[in-house]
Amino acid sequence: MSAKKYKLCQDDYIIHHINKLYRIVALTDFADIKAGDKGGYISGEECIDNSLVDNSWVYDNSLVDNSWVVNNSKVVNNSKVVNNSKVDNSKVDNSKVDNSKVDNSWVYDNSLVDNSW
């Protein structure tokens, strides 16, 4: 069993629509993250690979609700990835991805990617 890179902080959560999203906290150093750094909010461990093989991370007050962030992707600056979206090898910066797939891209400046499967 490989080491986990983060844990869900059970006492630090928000409610997004009807779902409880938990703040993530780094357990070890990886990429630009240090052990103890707090990340954003996710609905469960399935949202981000919890192994050190993948450097994906949700930063600051960004959130991922029932979606996936994979292959070294970053979700930053209060972004939202929601409704079965997938962010793959990409960066979402101050934007929203809703029911869509973002692949090998950078979404930024208050952009909205919606229903683009």
PDB file of N, CA and C in Angstrom:
ATOM      1  N   MET A   1       0.850  -1.185   0.000  1.00  0.00           N
ATOM      2  CA  MET A   1       0.000   0.000   0.000  1.00  0.00           C
ATOM      3  C   MET A   1       0.885   1.233   0.000  1.00  0.00           C
ATOM      4  N   SER A   2       0.668   2.109  -0.950  1.00  0.00           N
ATOM      5  CA  SER A   2       1.482   3.320  -1.037  1.00  0.00           C
ATOM      6  C   SER A   2       0.964   4.386  -0.074  1.00  0.00           C
ATOM      7  N   ALA A   3       1.836   5.322   0.252  1.00  0.00           N
ATOM      8  CA  ALA A   3       1.486   6.398   1.177  1.00  0.00           C
ATOM      9  C   ALA A   3       0.473   7.341   0.539  1.00  0.00           C
ATOM     10  N   LYS A   4      -0.428   7.864   1.358  1.00  0.00           N
ATOM     11  CA  LYS A   4      -1.404   8.835   0.882  1.00  0.00           C
ATOM     12  C   LYS A   4      -0.793  10.222   0.904  1.00  0.00           C
ATOM     13  N   LYS A   5      -1.191  11.062  -0.043  1.00  0.00           N
ATOM     14  CA  LYS A   5      -0.647  12.423  -0.099  1.00  0.00           C
ATOM     15  C   LYS A   5      -1.511  13.424   0.649  1.00  0.00           C
ATOM     16  N   TYR A   6      -2.781  13.106   0.900  1.00  0.00           N
ATOM     17  CA  TYR A   6      -3.644  14.044   1.621  1.00  0.00           C
ATOM     18  C   TYR A   6      -4.671  13.285   2.444  1.00  0.00           C
ATOM     19  N   LYS A   7      -5.318  14.038   3.341  1.00  0.00           N
ATOM     20  CA  LYS A   7      -6.445  13.499   4.097  1.00  0.00           C
ATOM     21  C   LYS A   7      -7.606  14.478   3.974  1.00  0.00           C
ATOM     22  N   LEU A   8      -8.792  13.976   4.217  1.00  0.00           N
ATOM     23  CA  LEU A   8      -9.976  14.816   4.292  1.00  0.00           C
ATOM     24  C   LEU A   8     -10.110  15.295   5.732  1.00  0.00           C
ATOM     25  N   CYS A   9     -10.252  16.573   5.914  1.00  0.00           N
ATOM     26  CA  CYS A   9     -10.400  17.150   7.245  1.00  0.00           C
ATOM     27  C   CYS A   9     -11.889  17.129   7.602  1.00  0.00           C
ATOM     28  N   GLN A  10     -12.293  16.167   8.424  1.00  0.00           N
ATOM     29  CA  GLN A  10     -13.703  15.947   8.731  1.00  0.00           C
ATOM     30  C   GLN A  10     -14.368  17.121   9.445  1.00  0.00           C
ATOM     31  N   ASP A  11     -13.582  17.948  10.138  1.00  0.00           N
ATOM     32  CA  ASP A  11     -14.177  19.065  10.886  1.00  0.00           C
ATOM     33  C   ASP A  11     -14.066  20.401  10.147  1.00  0.00           C
ATOM     34  N   ASP A  12     -13.585  20.389   8.906  1.00  0.00           N
ATOM     35  CA  ASP A  12     -13.503  21.592   8.085  1.00  0.00           C
ATOM     36  C   ASP A  12     -14.187  21.281   6.758  1.00  0.00           C
ATOM     37  N   TYR A  13     -15.436  21.674   6.636  1.00  0.00           N
ATOM     38  CA  TYR A  13     -16.200  21.345   5.437  1.00  0.00           C
ATOM     39  C   TYR A  13     -17.139  22.496   5.081  1.00  0.00           C
ATOM     40  N   ILE A  14     -17.635  22.429   3.853  1.00  0.00           N
ATOM     41  CA  ILE A  14     -18.659  23.358   3.390  1.00  0.00           C
ATOM     42  C   ILE A  14     -19.798  22.530   2.800  1.00  0.00           C
ATOM     43  N   ILE A  15     -20.935  23.149   2.647  1.00  0.00           N
ATOM     44  CA  ILE A  15     -22.054  22.511   1.961  1.00  0.00           C
ATOM     45  C   ILE A  15     -22.174  23.172   0.595  1.00  0.00           C
ATOM     46  N   HIS A  16     -22.080  22.360  -0.441  1.00  0.00           N
ATOM     47  CA  HIS A  16     -22.247  22.848  -1.815  1.00  0.00           C
ATOM     48  C   HIS A  16     -23.508  22.190  -2.354  1.00  0.00           C
ATOM     49  N   HIS A  17     -24.517  22.992  -2.583  1.00  0.00           N
ATOM     50  CA  HIS A  17     -25.857  22.489  -2.895  1.00  0.00           C
ATOM     51  C   HIS A  17     -26.252  21.565  -1.748  1.00  0.00           C
ATOM     52  N   ILE A  18     -26.380  20.277  -1.959  1.00  0.00           N
ATOM     53  CA  ILE A  18     -26.741  19.382  -0.853  1.00  0.00           C
ATOM     54  C   ILE A  18     -25.568  18.522  -0.389  1.00  0.00           C
ATOM     55  N   ASN A  19     -24.405  18.676  -1.016  1.00  0.00           N
ATOM     56  CA  ASN A  19     -23.259  17.813  -0.713  1.00  0.00           C
ATOM     57  C   ASN A  19     -22.312  18.452   0.288  1.00  0.00           C
ATOM     58  N   LYS A  20     -21.767  17.626   1.151  1.00  0.00           N
ATOM     59  CA  LYS A  20     -20.747  18.056   2.094  1.00  0.00           C
ATOM     60  C   LYS A  20     -19.387  17.875   1.421  1.00  0.00           C
ATOM     61  N   LEU A  21     -18.599  18.949   1.348  1.00  0.00           N
ATOM     62  CA  LEU A  21     -17.261  18.914   0.763  1.00  0.00           C
ATOM     63  C   LEU A  21     -16.253  19.181   1.866  1.00  0.00           C
ATOM     64  N   TYR A  22     -15.208  18.353   1.912  1.00  0.00           N
ATOM     65  CA  TYR A  22     -14.212  18.424   2.977  1.00  0.00           C
ATOM     66  C   TYR A  22     -12.932  19.081   2.487  1.00  0.00           C
ATOM     67  N   ARG A  23     -12.337  19.891   3.361  1.00  0.00           N
ATOM     68  CA  ARG A  23     -11.035  20.484   3.038  1.00  0.00           C
ATOM     69  C   ARG A  23      -9.997  19.370   3.011  1.00  0.00           C
ATOM     70  N   ILE A  24      -9.070  19.462   2.055  1.00  0.00           N
ATOM     71  CA  ILE A  24      -7.967  18.504   2.009  1.00  0.00           C
ATOM     72  C   ILE A  24      -6.736  19.118   2.672  1.00  0.00           C
ATOM     73  N   VAL A  25      -5.954  18.247   3.301  1.00  0.00           N
ATOM     74  CA  VAL A  25      -4.728  18.663   3.972  1.00  0.00           C
ATOM     75  C   VAL A  25      -3.612  17.715   3.533  1.00  0.00           C
ATOM     76  N   ALA A  26      -2.506  18.275   3.051  1.00  0.00           N
ATOM     77  CA  ALA A  26      -1.386  17.467   2.562  1.00  0.00           C
ATOM     78  C   ALA A  26      -0.722  16.709   3.719  1.00  0.00           C
ATOM     79  N   LEU A  27      -0.421  15.445   3.484  1.00  0.00           N
ATOM     80  CA  LEU A  27       0.261  14.616   4.473  1.00  0.00           C
ATOM     81  C   LEU A  27       1.760  14.528   4.220  1.00  0.00           C
ATOM     82  N   THR A  28       2.180  14.932   3.031  1.00  0.00           N
ATOM     83  CA  THR A  28       3.586  14.835   2.649  1.00  0.00           C
ATOM     84  C   THR A  28       3.911  15.923   1.621  1.00  0.00           C
ATOM     85  N   ASP A  29       5.156  16.165   1.375  1.00  0.00           N
ATOM     86  CA  ASP A  29       5.581  17.117   0.347  1.00  0.00           C
ATOM     87  C   ASP A  29       5.462  16.476  -1.034  1.00  0.00           C
ATOM     88  N   PHE A  30       4.964  17.227  -1.997  1.00  0.00           N
ATOM     89  CA  PHE A  30       4.968  16.811  -3.406  1.00  0.00           C
ATOM     90  C   PHE A  30       4.733  18.059  -4.250  1.00  0.00           C
ATOM     91  N   ALA A  31       5.242  18.040  -5.456  1.00  0.00           N
ATOM     92  CA  ALA A  31       5.111  19.196  -6.372  1.00  0.00           C
ATOM     93  C   ALA A  31       5.399  20.482  -5.599  1.00  0.00           C
ATOM     94  N   ASP A  32       4.471  21.462  -5.611  1.00  0.00           N
ATOM     95  CA  ASP A  32       4.681  22.723  -4.878  1.00  0.00           C
ATOM     96  C   ASP A  32       3.941  22.723  -3.536  1.00  0.00           C
ATOM     97  N   ILE A  33       3.535  21.551  -3.070  1.00  0.00           N
ATOM     98  CA  ILE A  33       2.776  21.393  -1.826  1.00  0.00           C
ATOM     99  C   ILE A  33       3.708  20.881  -0.723  1.00  0.00           C
ATOM    100  N   LYS A  34       3.524  21.416   0.468  1.00  0.00           N
ATOM    101  CA  LYS A  34       4.282  20.968   1.642  1.00  0.00           C
ATOM    102  C   LYS A  34       3.332  20.267   2.603  1.00  0.00           C
ATOM    103  N   ALA A  35       3.838  19.298   3.344  1.00  0.00           N
ATOM    104  CA  ALA A  35       3.036  18.606   4.350  1.00  0.00           C
ATOM    105  C   ALA A  35       2.394  19.644   5.276  1.00  0.00           C
ATOM    106  N   GLY A  36       1.110  19.485   5.527  1.00  0.00           N
ATOM    107  CA  GLY A  36       0.375  20.412   6.378  1.00  0.00           C
ATOM    108  C   GLY A  36      -0.356  21.499   5.615  1.00  0.00           C
ATOM    109  N   ASP A  37      -0.002  21.708   4.337  1.00  0.00           N
ATOM    110  CA  ASP A  37      -0.717  22.709   3.538  1.00  0.00           C
ATOM    111  C   ASP A  37      -2.183  22.319   3.403  1.00  0.00           C
ATOM    112  N   LYS A  38      -3.043  23.319   3.543  1.00  0.00           N
ATOM    113  CA  LYS A  38      -4.466  23.092   3.328  1.00  0.00           C
ATOM    114  C   LYS A  38      -4.803  23.395   1.882  1.00  0.00           C
ATOM    115  N   GLY A  39      -5.622  22.541   1.309  1.00  0.00           N
ATOM    116  CA  GLY A  39      -6.082  22.744  -0.052  1.00  0.00           C
ATOM    117  C   GLY A  39      -7.517  23.207  -0.057  1.00  0.00           C
ATOM    118  N   GLY A  40      -8.192  22.947  -1.157  1.00  0.00           N
ATOM    119  CA  GLY A  40      -9.592  23.313  -1.289  1.00  0.00           C
ATOM    120  C   GLY A  40     -10.495  22.238  -0.745  1.00  0.00           C
ATOM    121  N   TYR A  41     -11.699  22.171  -1.302  1.00  0.00           N
ATOM    122  CA  TYR A  41     -12.736  21.275  -0.805  1.00  0.00           C
ATOM    123  C   TYR A  41     -13.130  20.265  -1.877  1.00  0.00           C
ATOM    124  N   ILE A  42     -13.286  19.001  -1.455  1.00  0.00           N
ATOM    125  CA  ILE A  42     -13.696  17.945  -2.380  1.00  0.00           C
ATOM    126  C   ILE A  42     -14.792  17.101  -1.729  1.00  0.00           C
ATOM    127  N   SER A  43     -15.595  16.450  -2.568  1.00  0.00           N
ATOM    128  CA  SER A  43     -16.706  15.646  -2.045  1.00  0.00           C
ATOM    129  C   SER A  43     -16.263  14.259  -1.592  1.00  0.00           C
ATOM    130  N   GLY A  44     -15.079  13.809  -1.974  1.00  0.00           N
ATOM    131  CA  GLY A  44     -14.580  12.502  -1.541  1.00  0.00           C
ATOM    132  C   GLY A  44     -13.227  12.200  -2.145  1.00  0.00           C
ATOM    133  N   GLU A  45     -12.571  11.167  -1.613  1.00  0.00           N
ATOM    134  CA  GLU A  45     -11.223  10.833  -2.087  1.00  0.00           C
ATOM    135  C   GLU A  45     -11.180  10.428  -3.546  1.00  0.00           C
ATOM    136  N   GLU A  46     -12.306  10.036  -4.130  1.00  0.00           N
ATOM    137  CA  GLU A  46     -12.321   9.671  -5.548  1.00  0.00           C
ATOM    138  C   GLU A  46     -12.099  10.879  -6.449  1.00  0.00           C
ATOM    139  N   CYS A  47     -12.195  12.090  -5.905  1.00  0.00           N
ATOM    140  CA  CYS A  47     -12.056  13.312  -6.706  1.00  0.00           C
ATOM    141  C   CYS A  47     -10.622  13.579  -7.156  1.00  0.00           C
ATOM    142  N   ILE A  48      -9.653  13.190  -6.327  1.00  0.00           N
ATOM    143  CA  ILE A  48      -8.240  13.398  -6.643  1.00  0.00           C
ATOM    144  C   ILE A  48      -7.484  12.131  -6.282  1.00  0.00           C
ATOM    145  N   ASP A  49      -6.612  11.686  -7.161  1.00  0.00           N
ATOM    146  CA  ASP A  49      -5.764  10.531  -6.863  1.00  0.00           C
ATOM    147  C   ASP A  49      -5.002  10.822  -5.575  1.00  0.00           C
ATOM    148  N   ASN A  50      -5.062   9.905  -4.628  1.00  0.00           N
ATOM    149  CA  ASN A  50      -4.421  10.119  -3.334  1.00  0.00           C
ATOM    150  C   ASN A  50      -3.035   9.489  -3.263  1.00  0.00           C
ATOM    151  N   SER A  51      -2.476   9.100  -4.402  1.00  0.00           N
ATOM    152  CA  SER A  51      -1.120   8.550  -4.411  1.00  0.00           C
ATOM    153  C   SER A  51      -0.135   9.631  -4.858  1.00  0.00           C
ATOM    154  N   LEU A  52       1.127   9.402  -4.582  1.00  0.00           N
ATOM    155  CA  LEU A  52       2.157  10.371  -4.971  1.00  0.00           C
ATOM    156  C   LEU A  52       2.538  10.260  -6.440  1.00  0.00           C
ATOM    157  N   VAL A  53       1.898   9.368  -7.176  1.00  0.00           N
ATOM    158  CA  VAL A  53       2.151   9.214  -8.606  1.00  0.00           C
ATOM    159  C   VAL A  53       1.588  10.409  -9.380  1.00  0.00           C
ATOM    160  N   ASP A  54       0.504  10.982  -8.890  1.00  0.00           N
ATOM    161  CA  ASP A  54      -0.199  12.076  -9.554  1.00  0.00           C
ATOM    162  C   ASP A  54      -0.101  13.328  -8.679  1.00  0.00           C
ATOM    163  N   ASN A  55       0.376  14.435  -9.227  1.00  0.00           N
ATOM    164  CA  ASN A  55       0.544  15.679  -8.470  1.00  0.00           C
ATOM    165  C   ASN A  55      -0.677  16.590  -8.503  1.00  0.00           C
ATOM    166  N   SER A  56      -1.820  16.079  -8.889  1.00  0.00           N
ATOM    167  CA  SER A  56      -3.034  16.904  -8.928  1.00  0.00           C
ATOM    168  C   SER A  56      -3.345  17.462  -7.543  1.00  0.00           C
ATOM    169  N   TRP A  57      -3.926  18.695  -7.528  1.00  0.00           N
ATOM    170  CA  TRP A  57      -4.265  19.327  -6.261  1.00  0.00           C
ATOM    171  C   TRP A  57      -5.360  20.358  -6.481  1.00  0.00           C
ATOM    172  N   VAL A  58      -6.171  20.538  -5.459  1.00  0.00           N
ATOM    173  CA  VAL A  58      -7.198  21.573  -5.418  1.00  0.00           C
ATOM    174  C   VAL A  58      -6.718  22.588  -4.395  1.00  0.00           C
ATOM    175  N   TYR A  59      -6.551  23.831  -4.817  1.00  0.00           N
ATOM    176  CA  TYR A  59      -5.936  24.874  -3.995  1.00  0.00           C
ATOM    177  C   TYR A  59      -6.980  25.795  -3.373  1.00  0.00           C
ATOM    178  N   ASP A  60      -6.517  26.562  -2.382  1.00  0.00           N
ATOM    179  CA  ASP A  60      -7.245  27.635  -1.701  1.00  0.00           C
ATOM    180  C   ASP A  60      -8.705  27.263  -1.442  1.00  0.00           C
ATOM    181  N   ASN A  61      -9.645  28.066  -1.850  1.00  0.00           N
ATOM    182  CA  ASN A  61     -11.059  27.784  -1.609  1.00  0.00           C
ATOM    183  C   ASN A  61     -11.765  27.222  -2.832  1.00  0.00           C
ATOM    184  N   SER A  62     -11.009  26.635  -3.740  1.00  0.00           N
ATOM    185  CA  SER A  62     -11.611  25.973  -4.889  1.00  0.00           C
ATOM    186  C   SER A  62     -12.337  24.716  -4.421  1.00  0.00           C
ATOM    187  N   LEU A  63     -13.257  24.222  -5.271  1.00  0.00           N
ATOM    188  CA  LEU A  63     -13.980  23.021  -4.879  1.00  0.00           C
ATOM    189  C   LEU A  63     -14.178  22.080  -6.052  1.00  0.00           C
ATOM    190  N   VAL A  64     -14.235  20.784  -5.706  1.00  0.00           N
ATOM    191  CA  VAL A  64     -14.504  19.721  -6.670  1.00  0.00           C
ATOM    192  C   VAL A  64     -15.618  18.873  -6.075  1.00  0.00           C
ATOM    193  N   ASP A  65     -16.764  18.858  -6.753  1.00  0.00           N
ATOM    194  CA  ASP A  65     -17.941  18.169  -6.253  1.00  0.00           C
ATOM    195  C   ASP A  65     -18.389  17.131  -7.272  1.00  0.00           C
ATOM    196  N   ASN A  66     -18.276  15.851  -6.876  1.00  0.00           N
ATOM    197  CA  ASN A  66     -18.663  14.735  -7.744  1.00  0.00           C
ATOM    198  C   ASN A  66     -18.020  14.832  -9.117  1.00  0.00           C
ATOM    199  N   SER A  67     -16.727  15.090  -9.127  1.00  0.00           N
ATOM    200  CA  SER A  67     -15.947  15.226 -10.359  1.00  0.00           C
ATOM    201  C   SER A  67     -14.538  14.709 -10.102  1.00  0.00           C
ATOM    202  N   TRP A  68     -13.683  14.730 -11.133  1.00  0.00           N
ATOM    203  CA  TRP A  68     -12.353  14.156 -11.035  1.00  0.00           C
ATOM    204  C   TRP A  68     -11.300  15.138 -11.545  1.00  0.00           C
ATOM    205  N   VAL A  69     -10.192  15.186 -10.806  1.00  0.00           N
ATOM    206  CA  VAL A  69      -9.040  16.013 -11.167  1.00  0.00           C
ATOM    207  C   VAL A  69      -7.854  15.057 -11.232  1.00  0.00           C
ATOM    208  N   VAL A  70      -7.293  14.864 -12.444  1.00  0.00           N
ATOM    209  CA  VAL A  70      -6.292  13.814 -12.645  1.00  0.00           C
ATOM    210  C   VAL A  70      -5.110  14.297 -13.489  1.00  0.00           C
ATOM    211  N   ASN A  71      -4.066  13.483 -13.495  1.00  0.00           N
ATOM    212  CA  ASN A  71      -2.882  13.691 -14.332  1.00  0.00           C
ATOM    213  C   ASN A  71      -2.245  15.061 -14.137  1.00  0.00           C
ATOM    214  N   ASN A  72      -1.873  15.333 -12.890  1.00  0.00           N
ATOM    215  CA  ASN A  72      -1.120  16.538 -12.533  1.00  0.00           C
ATOM    216  C   ASN A  72      -1.870  17.839 -12.793  1.00  0.00           C
ATOM    217  N   SER A  73      -3.181  17.792 -12.680  1.00  0.00           N
ATOM    218  CA  SER A  73      -4.013  18.981 -12.889  1.00  0.00           C
ATOM    219  C   SER A  73      -4.060  19.838 -11.636  1.00  0.00           C
ATOM    220  N   LYS A  74      -4.383  21.132 -11.835  1.00  0.00           N
ATOM    221  CA  LYS A  74      -4.510  22.088 -10.739  1.00  0.00           C
ATOM    222  C   LYS A  74      -5.840  22.809 -10.867  1.00  0.00           C
ATOM    223  N   VAL A  75      -6.512  22.951  -9.730  1.00  0.00           N
ATOM    224  CA  VAL A  75      -7.740  23.737  -9.648  1.00  0.00           C
ATOM    225  C   VAL A  75      -7.452  24.832  -8.629  1.00  0.00           C
ATOM    226  N   VAL A  76      -7.432  26.097  -9.096  1.00  0.00           N
ATOM    227  CA  VAL A  76      -6.941  27.199  -8.264  1.00  0.00           C
ATOM    228  C   VAL A  76      -7.869  28.416  -8.293  1.00  0.00           C
ATOM    229  N   ASN A  77      -7.624  29.338  -7.347  1.00  0.00           N
ATOM    230  CA  ASN A  77      -8.283  30.650  -7.307  1.00  0.00           C
ATOM    231  C   ASN A  77      -9.810  30.582  -7.331  1.00  0.00           C
ATOM    232  N   ASN A  78     -10.348  29.872  -6.351  1.00  0.00           N
ATOM    233  CA  ASN A  78     -11.801  29.814  -6.154  1.00  0.00           C
ATOM    234  C   ASN A  78     -12.564  29.189  -7.318  1.00  0.00           C
ATOM    235  N   SER A  79     -11.918  28.302  -8.039  1.00  0.00           N
ATOM    236  CA  SER A  79     -12.572  27.619  -9.160  1.00  0.00           C
ATOM    237  C   SER A  79     -13.515  26.536  -8.659  1.00  0.00           C
ATOM    238  N   LYS A  80     -14.436  26.123  -9.543  1.00  0.00           N
ATOM    239  CA  LYS A  80     -15.375  25.054  -9.243  1.00  0.00           C
ATOM    240  C   LYS A  80     -15.348  24.036 -10.375  1.00  0.00           C
ATOM    241  N   VAL A  81     -15.237  22.763  -9.995  1.00  0.00           N
ATOM    242  CA  VAL A  81     -15.326  21.654 -10.937  1.00  0.00           C
ATOM    243  C   VAL A  81     -16.463  20.774 -10.410  1.00  0.00           C
ATOM    244  N   VAL A  82     -17.572  20.731 -11.148  1.00  0.00           N
ATOM    245  CA  VAL A  82     -18.791  20.131 -10.604  1.00  0.00           C
ATOM    246  C   VAL A  82     -19.541  19.278 -11.630  1.00  0.00           C
ATOM    247  N   ASN A  83     -20.457  18.462 -11.107  1.00  0.00           N
ATOM    248  CA  ASN A  83     -21.420  17.700 -11.923  1.00  0.00           C
ATOM    249  C   ASN A  83     -20.767  16.753 -12.914  1.00  0.00           C
ATOM    250  N   ASN A  84     -20.017  15.805 -12.388  1.00  0.00           N
ATOM    251  CA  ASN A  84     -19.401  14.748 -13.203  1.00  0.00           C
ATOM    252  C   ASN A  84     -18.430  15.272 -14.247  1.00  0.00           C
ATOM    253  N   SER A  85     -17.716  16.328 -13.904  1.00  0.00           N
ATOM    254  CA  SER A  85     -16.687  16.866 -14.806  1.00  0.00           C
ATOM    255  C   SER A  85     -15.375  16.133 -14.594  1.00  0.00           C
ATOM    256  N   LYS A  86     -14.498  16.263 -15.570  1.00  0.00           N
ATOM    257  CA  LYS A  86     -13.156  15.682 -15.470  1.00  0.00           C
ATOM    258  C   LYS A  86     -12.149  16.705 -15.959  1.00  0.00           C
ATOM    259  N   VAL A  87     -11.162  16.998 -15.112  1.00  0.00           N
ATOM    260  CA  VAL A  87     -10.061  17.885 -15.468  1.00  0.00           C
ATOM    261  C   VAL A  87      -8.824  16.995 -15.577  1.00  0.00           C
ATOM    262  N   ASP A  88      -8.273  16.881 -16.779  1.00  0.00           N
ATOM    263  CA  ASP A  88      -7.208  15.929 -17.076  1.00  0.00           C
ATOM    264  C   ASP A  88      -6.009  16.668 -17.662  1.00  0.00           C
ATOM    265  N   ASN A  89      -4.894  16.641 -16.940  1.00  0.00           N
ATOM    266  CA  ASN A  89      -3.659  17.288 -17.391  1.00  0.00           C
ATOM    267  C   ASN A  89      -3.916  18.753 -17.759  1.00  0.00           C
ATOM    268  N   SER A  90      -4.606  19.457 -16.855  1.00  0.00           N
ATOM    269  CA  SER A  90      -5.043  20.823 -17.142  1.00  0.00           C
ATOM    270  C   SER A  90      -4.992  21.692 -15.899  1.00  0.00           C
ATOM    271  N   LYS A  91      -5.247  22.988 -16.101  1.00  0.00           N
ATOM    272  CA  LYS A  91      -5.345  23.940 -15.002  1.00  0.00           C
ATOM    273  C   LYS A  91      -6.637  24.723 -15.148  1.00  0.00           C
ATOM    274  N   VAL A  92      -7.390  24.783 -14.042  1.00  0.00           N
ATOM    275  CA  VAL A  92      -8.606  25.580 -13.988  1.00  0.00           C
ATOM    276  C   VAL A  92      -8.331  26.699 -13.000  1.00  0.00           C
ATOM    277  N   ASP A  93      -8.360  27.952 -13.480  1.00  0.00           N
ATOM    278  CA  ASP A  93      -7.944  29.112 -12.705  1.00  0.00           C
ATOM    279  C   ASP A  93      -9.063  30.152 -12.692  1.00  0.00           C
ATOM    280  N   ASN A  94      -9.677  30.362 -11.524  1.00  0.00           N
ATOM    281  CA  ASN A  94     -10.735  31.357 -11.361  1.00  0.00           C
ATOM    282  C   ASN A  94     -11.858  31.144 -12.384  1.00  0.00           C
ATOM    283  N   SER A  95     -12.286  29.873 -12.523  1.00  0.00           N
ATOM    284  CA  SER A  95     -13.284  29.511 -13.533  1.00  0.00           C
ATOM    285  C   SER A  95     -14.141  28.366 -13.031  1.00  0.00           C
ATOM    286  N   LYS A  96     -15.123  27.974 -13.861  1.00  0.00           N
ATOM    287  CA  LYS A  96     -16.024  26.876 -13.505  1.00  0.00           C
ATOM    288  C   LYS A  96     -16.095  25.875 -14.645  1.00  0.00           C
ATOM    289  N   VAL A  97     -15.980  24.604 -14.283  1.00  0.00           N
ATOM    290  CA  VAL A  97     -16.163  23.496 -15.217  1.00  0.00           C
ATOM    291  C   VAL A  97     -17.372  22.718 -14.715  1.00  0.00           C
ATOM    292  N   ASP A  98     -18.416  22.632 -15.542  1.00  0.00           N
ATOM    293  CA  ASP A  98     -19.683  22.042 -15.132  1.00  0.00           C
ATOM    294  C   ASP A  98     -20.123  21.002 -16.155  1.00  0.00           C
ATOM    295  N   ASN A  99     -20.198  19.745 -15.725  1.00  0.00           N
ATOM    296  CA  ASN A  99     -20.638  18.654 -16.590  1.00  0.00           C
ATOM    297  C   ASN A  99     -19.831  18.621 -17.889  1.00  0.00           C
ATOM    298  N   SER A 100     -18.506  18.697 -17.747  1.00  0.00           N
ATOM    299  CA  SER A 100     -17.635  18.812 -18.928  1.00  0.00           C
ATOM    300  C   SER A 100     -16.312  18.098 -18.700  1.00  0.00           C
ATOM    301  N   LYS A 101     -15.595  17.900 -19.793  1.00  0.00           N
ATOM    302  CA  LYS A 101     -14.238  17.374 -19.726  1.00  0.00           C
ATOM    303  C   LYS A 101     -13.281  18.431 -20.258  1.00  0.00           C
ATOM    304  N   VAL A 102     -12.244  18.705 -19.473  1.00  0.00           N
ATOM    305  CA  VAL A 102     -11.186  19.624 -19.876  1.00  0.00           C
ATOM    306  C   VAL A 102      -9.911  18.785 -19.949  1.00  0.00           C
ATOM    307  N   ASP A 103      -9.290  18.754 -21.111  1.00  0.00           N
ATOM    308  CA  ASP A 103      -8.144  17.883 -21.344  1.00  0.00           C
ATOM    309  C   ASP A 103      -7.011  18.686 -21.981  1.00  0.00           C
ATOM    310  N   ASN A 104      -5.828  18.651 -21.351  1.00  0.00           N
ATOM    311  CA  ASN A 104      -4.646  19.344 -21.864  1.00  0.00           C
ATOM    312  C   ASN A 104      -4.927  20.813 -22.161  1.00  0.00           C
ATOM    313  N   SER A 105      -5.533  21.492 -21.184  1.00  0.00           N
ATOM    314  CA  SER A 105      -5.955  22.881 -21.404  1.00  0.00           C
ATOM    315  C   SER A 105      -5.725  23.739 -20.177  1.00  0.00           C
ATOM    316  N   TRP A 106      -5.892  25.052 -20.375  1.00  0.00           N
ATOM    317  CA  TRP A 106      -5.865  26.013 -19.282  1.00  0.00           C
ATOM    318  C   TRP A 106      -7.138  26.840 -19.403  1.00  0.00           C
ATOM    319  N   VAL A 107      -7.993  26.749 -18.392  1.00  0.00           N
ATOM    320  CA  VAL A 107      -9.248  27.487 -18.343  1.00  0.00           C
ATOM    321  C   VAL A 107      -9.062  28.586 -17.312  1.00  0.00           C
ATOM    322  N   TYR A 108      -9.264  29.861 -17.705  1.00  0.00           N
ATOM    323  CA  TYR A 108      -8.950  30.958 -16.788  1.00  0.00           C
ATOM    324  C   TYR A 108      -9.830  32.178 -17.044  1.00  0.00           C
ATOM    325  N   ASP A 109      -9.663  33.207 -16.179  1.00  0.00           N
ATOM    326  CA  ASP A 109     -10.359  34.506 -16.310  1.00  0.00           C
ATOM    327  C   ASP A 109     -11.872  34.389 -16.316  1.00  0.00           C
ATOM    328  N   ASN A 110     -12.418  33.790 -15.255  1.00  0.00           N
ATOM    329  CA  ASN A 110     -13.877  33.694 -15.111  1.00  0.00           C
ATOM    330  C   ASN A 110     -14.559  32.944 -16.252  1.00  0.00           C
ATOM    331  N   SER A 111     -13.868  31.981 -16.835  1.00  0.00           N
ATOM    332  CA  SER A 111     -14.460  31.196 -17.922  1.00  0.00           C
ATOM    333  C   SER A 111     -15.440  30.175 -17.365  1.00  0.00           C
ATOM    334  N   LEU A 112     -16.360  29.757 -18.222  1.00  0.00           N
ATOM    335  CA  LEU A 112     -17.297  28.687 -17.901  1.00  0.00           C
ATOM    336  C   LEU A 112     -17.226  27.654 -19.013  1.00  0.00           C
ATOM    337  N   VAL A 113     -16.923  26.409 -18.649  1.00  0.00           N
ATOM    338  CA  VAL A 113     -17.001  25.295 -19.575  1.00  0.00           C
ATOM    339  C   VAL A 113     -18.196  24.469 -19.118  1.00  0.00           C
ATOM    340  N   ASP A 114     -19.217  24.368 -19.953  1.00  0.00           N
ATOM    341  CA  ASP A 114     -20.485  23.788 -19.534  1.00  0.00           C
ATOM    342  C   ASP A 114     -21.005  22.808 -20.567  1.00  0.00           C
ATOM    343  N   ASN A 115     -21.362  21.627 -20.104  1.00  0.00           N
ATOM    344  CA  ASN A 115     -21.961  20.582 -20.956  1.00  0.00           C
ATOM    345  C   ASN A 115     -21.151  20.303 -22.210  1.00  0.00           C
ATOM    346  N   SER A 116     -19.869  20.057 -22.032  1.00  0.00           N
ATOM    347  CA  SER A 116     -19.017  19.841 -23.215  1.00  0.00           C
ATOM    348  C   SER A 116     -18.443  18.429 -23.296  1.00  0.00           C
ATOM    349  N   TRP A 117     -19.191  17.463 -22.876  1.00  0.00           N
ATOM    350  CA  TRP A 117     -18.735  16.083 -23.032  1.00  0.00           C
ATOM    351  C   TRP A 117     -18.919  15.714 -24.469  1.00  0.00           C
TER     352      TRP A 117
END
